[in-house]
Amino acid sequence: MTSLATLPEDIQSLIVKLPFRVGYYISASDTTGGDEADDAEMRALENIVTFYVEDTLKSEFATEAMLEMLRKREHWEAWKEHIEIVPEECLKMSEALIGYIELKEVVAFKNNLLEIAISVAQAYREFDHNVSTFEKFSTYFAILLKRIQALMAGQEIQSTDAMLNISREEKMAIGLLADSLGIQVKL
């Protein structure tokens, strides 16, 4: 297994900050919910990364990167800059790791990044109940259609709460990240 320290310094830096930047990218993708949503999603991001490190990471490389990210918490505010380039950074990271670490470690790290993105999106419901009746109807009708599709395909049916917690903007941002990481995701 290759450790983080054996990678070129610019790649190390990118890998260490990507878990935070991916989570923040999703949080920043939806401006509804205001400061309350932002605060909840930032707390969720820290909790999610801590949880993954402590309980679920199946990759030593991902664990090392996320532990280092947590140790560099004082840099998080600076890491919020130029958040729009996160999908490009994911692509750069994927390409840079080829030949340095095993493919299964790369895949595990990419999957963890996407899981962080989805978990942050689910952390706070940003559905605005003040929208027009038509938009509410459209939202709930879309949920009904997704449930019917899942039922017909024999897939797990998500709760209404889970579906409402991820906004259209967050779904688009997650989709872009998934494409950049080369992972198929269905929300």
Protein backbone atom coordinates (compact mmCIF):
# COMPACT_ATOMS: atom_id res chain seq x y z
CA MET A 1 0.00 0.00 0.00
CA THR A 2 1.27 3.45 -0.90
CA SER A 3 1.07 6.08 1.80
CA LEU A 4 0.07 9.65 1.26
CA ALA A 5 3.62 10.82 2.05
CA THR A 6 5.05 9.06 -1.01
CA LEU A 7 2.95 11.13 -3.44
CA PRO A 8 4.09 14.42 -4.97
CA GLU A 9 3.38 17.31 -2.60
CA ASP A 10 0.76 18.99 -4.82
CA ILE A 11 -1.18 15.72 -5.11
CA GLN A 12 -0.92 15.12 -1.34
CA SER A 13 -2.36 18.56 -0.72
CA LEU A 14 -5.22 18.00 -3.16
CA ILE A 15 -6.11 14.60 -1.72
CA VAL A 16 -6.10 15.87 1.85
CA LYS A 17 -8.45 18.76 1.15
CA LEU A 18 -10.77 16.99 -1.34
CA PRO A 19 -13.04 15.32 1.27
CA PHE A 20 -13.72 18.74 2.80
CA ARG A 21 -13.99 20.51 -0.56
CA VAL A 22 -16.39 17.90 -1.95
CA GLY A 23 -18.66 18.29 1.07
CA TYR A 24 -18.49 22.05 0.94
CA TYR A 25 -19.08 22.04 -2.83
CA ILE A 26 -22.38 20.24 -2.25
CA SER A 27 -23.32 22.51 0.63
CA ALA A 28 -22.58 25.62 -1.45
CA SER A 29 -24.47 24.29 -4.49
CA ASP A 30 -27.84 25.11 -2.92
CA THR A 31 -28.27 28.59 -1.51
CA THR A 32 -31.73 27.98 -0.04
CA GLY A 33 -31.90 27.36 3.67
CA GLY A 34 -29.55 30.24 4.49
CA ASP A 35 -26.99 30.27 7.28
CA GLU A 36 -28.92 27.67 9.26
CA ALA A 37 -28.56 25.15 6.43
CA ASP A 38 -24.90 26.04 5.90
CA ASP A 39 -24.12 25.57 9.60
CA ALA A 40 -25.99 22.26 9.74
CA GLU A 41 -24.21 21.00 6.63
CA MET A 42 -20.77 22.05 7.96
CA ARG A 43 -21.43 20.19 11.23
CA ALA A 44 -22.63 17.24 9.19
CA LEU A 45 -19.50 17.33 7.04
CA GLU A 46 -17.24 17.11 10.08
CA ASN A 47 -19.38 14.36 11.63
CA ILE A 48 -19.55 12.43 8.36
CA VAL A 49 -15.81 12.48 7.79
CA THR A 50 -15.17 11.54 11.43
CA PHE A 51 -17.68 8.69 11.15
CA TYR A 52 -16.11 7.38 7.95
CA VAL A 53 -12.65 7.45 9.49
CA GLU A 54 -13.74 5.72 12.68
CA ASP A 55 -16.23 3.19 11.38
CA THR A 56 -16.59 2.59 7.68
CA LEU A 57 -13.50 3.28 5.62
CA LYS A 58 -12.33 0.14 3.93
CA SER A 59 -9.24 1.77 2.48
CA GLU A 60 -6.09 2.57 4.43
CA PHE A 61 -5.27 5.27 1.90
CA ALA A 62 -8.67 6.98 2.32
CA THR A 63 -8.38 6.71 6.10
CA GLU A 64 -4.95 8.34 6.04
CA ALA A 65 -6.17 11.16 3.78
CA MET A 66 -9.25 11.88 5.88
CA LEU A 67 -7.35 11.77 9.17
CA GLU A 68 -4.92 14.31 7.72
CA MET A 69 -7.87 16.45 6.58
CA LEU A 70 -9.25 16.42 10.12
CA ARG A 71 -5.83 17.36 11.53
CA LYS A 72 -5.74 20.38 9.20
CA ARG A 73 -9.09 21.76 10.32
CA GLU A 74 -7.57 25.23 10.72
CA HIS A 75 -7.24 25.34 6.90
CA TRP A 76 -10.90 24.61 6.17
CA GLU A 77 -11.89 28.24 5.78
CA ALA A 78 -9.19 28.76 3.14
CA TRP A 79 -10.22 25.53 1.41
CA LYS A 80 -13.63 27.07 0.67
CA GLU A 81 -12.10 29.29 -2.01
CA HIS A 82 -12.66 28.57 -5.71
CA ILE A 83 -15.15 25.84 -4.86
CA GLU A 84 -16.41 25.79 -8.46
CA ILE A 85 -13.33 23.83 -9.57
CA VAL A 86 -13.97 20.82 -7.31
CA PRO A 87 -15.18 18.56 -10.16
CA GLU A 88 -11.98 19.38 -12.07
CA GLU A 89 -9.95 18.62 -8.94
CA CYS A 90 -11.67 15.22 -8.66
CA LEU A 91 -10.71 14.45 -12.23
CA LYS A 92 -7.13 15.64 -11.63
CA MET A 93 -6.88 13.50 -8.49
CA SER A 94 -8.16 10.42 -10.32
CA GLU A 95 -5.62 10.83 -13.09
CA ALA A 96 -2.75 11.68 -10.73
CA LEU A 97 -3.17 8.57 -8.58
CA ILE A 98 -2.93 6.13 -11.46
CA GLY A 99 0.42 4.40 -11.21
CA TYR A 100 1.00 5.54 -7.62
CA ILE A 101 -1.54 3.50 -5.71
CA GLU A 102 -3.56 0.36 -6.36
CA LEU A 103 -6.73 0.78 -8.38
CA LYS A 104 -8.89 -0.61 -5.55
CA GLU A 105 -7.53 2.14 -3.26
CA VAL A 106 -8.35 4.80 -5.87
CA VAL A 107 -11.86 3.42 -6.30
CA ALA A 108 -12.40 3.28 -2.53
CA PHE A 109 -11.28 6.89 -2.12
CA LYS A 110 -13.52 8.07 -4.98
CA ASN A 111 -16.48 6.20 -3.49
CA ASN A 112 -15.84 7.79 -0.10
CA LEU A 113 -15.80 11.24 -1.70
CA LEU A 114 -19.16 10.60 -3.35
CA GLU A 115 -20.61 9.20 -0.12
CA ILE A 116 -19.53 12.37 1.68
CA ALA A 117 -21.23 14.47 -1.00
CA ILE A 118 -24.51 12.57 -0.71
CA SER A 119 -24.43 12.56 3.09
CA VAL A 120 -23.85 16.31 3.24
CA ALA A 121 -26.73 16.87 0.81
CA GLN A 122 -29.01 14.77 3.02
CA ALA A 123 -27.97 16.59 6.19
CA TYR A 124 -30.46 19.43 5.96
CA ARG A 125 -33.79 19.81 4.23
CA GLU A 126 -33.68 22.88 2.05
CA PHE A 127 -37.09 22.38 0.45
CA ASP A 128 -38.78 25.75 0.56
CA HIS A 129 -42.43 25.46 1.61
CA ASN A 130 -42.99 29.04 0.48
CA VAL A 131 -42.71 28.13 -3.20
CA SER A 132 -45.72 28.18 -5.46
CA THR A 133 -48.34 25.47 -5.30
CA PHE A 134 -47.31 24.38 -8.79
CA GLU A 135 -43.68 23.87 -7.69
CA LYS A 136 -44.79 21.92 -4.61
CA PHE A 137 -47.02 19.77 -6.81
CA SER A 138 -44.16 19.24 -9.28
CA THR A 139 -41.80 18.21 -6.49
CA TYR A 140 -44.19 15.72 -4.91
CA PHE A 141 -45.24 14.39 -8.33
CA ALA A 142 -41.56 13.77 -9.18
CA ILE A 143 -41.19 11.86 -5.90
CA LEU A 144 -44.22 9.76 -6.78
CA LEU A 145 -42.74 8.96 -10.20
CA LYS A 146 -39.40 7.98 -8.65
CA ARG A 147 -41.18 5.66 -6.25
CA ILE A 148 -43.12 4.02 -9.06
CA GLN A 149 -39.91 3.58 -11.07
CA ALA A 150 -38.15 2.06 -8.06
CA LEU A 151 -41.08 -0.27 -7.42
CA MET A 152 -41.16 -1.41 -11.06
CA ALA A 153 -37.38 -1.96 -11.07
CA GLY A 154 -37.45 -3.84 -7.77
CA GLN A 155 -35.26 -1.21 -6.11
CA GLU A 156 -35.40 0.16 -2.60
CA ILE A 157 -37.95 2.95 -2.23
CA GLN A 158 -36.57 6.00 -0.45
CA SER A 159 -38.64 7.88 2.09
CA THR A 160 -40.17 11.22 1.19
CA ASP A 161 -37.86 12.83 3.74
CA ALA A 162 -34.77 11.40 2.06
CA MET A 163 -35.96 12.59 -1.34
CA LEU A 164 -36.78 16.09 -0.11
CA ASN A 165 -33.45 16.49 1.69
CA ILE A 166 -31.49 16.54 -1.55
CA SER A 167 -32.40 19.57 -3.59
CA ARG A 168 -32.36 19.75 -7.39
CA GLU A 169 -29.18 21.86 -7.24
CA GLU A 170 -27.48 19.35 -4.94
CA LYS A 171 -28.50 16.48 -7.23
CA MET A 172 -26.96 18.30 -10.17
CA ALA A 173 -23.76 18.96 -8.19
CA ILE A 174 -23.58 15.32 -7.08
CA GLY A 175 -24.13 14.21 -10.67
CA LEU A 176 -21.27 16.40 -11.86
CA LEU A 177 -19.00 15.05 -9.12
CA ALA A 178 -19.98 11.48 -9.94
CA ASP A 179 -19.17 12.07 -13.61
CA SER A 180 -15.80 13.59 -12.66
CA LEU A 181 -15.07 10.59 -10.46
CA GLY A 182 -16.25 8.09 -13.06
CA ILE A 183 -18.97 6.70 -10.79
CA GLN A 184 -22.60 6.11 -11.69
CA VAL A 185 -25.02 7.40 -9.10
CA LYS A 186 -28.79 7.28 -8.95
CA LEU A 187 -30.56 9.76 -6.70
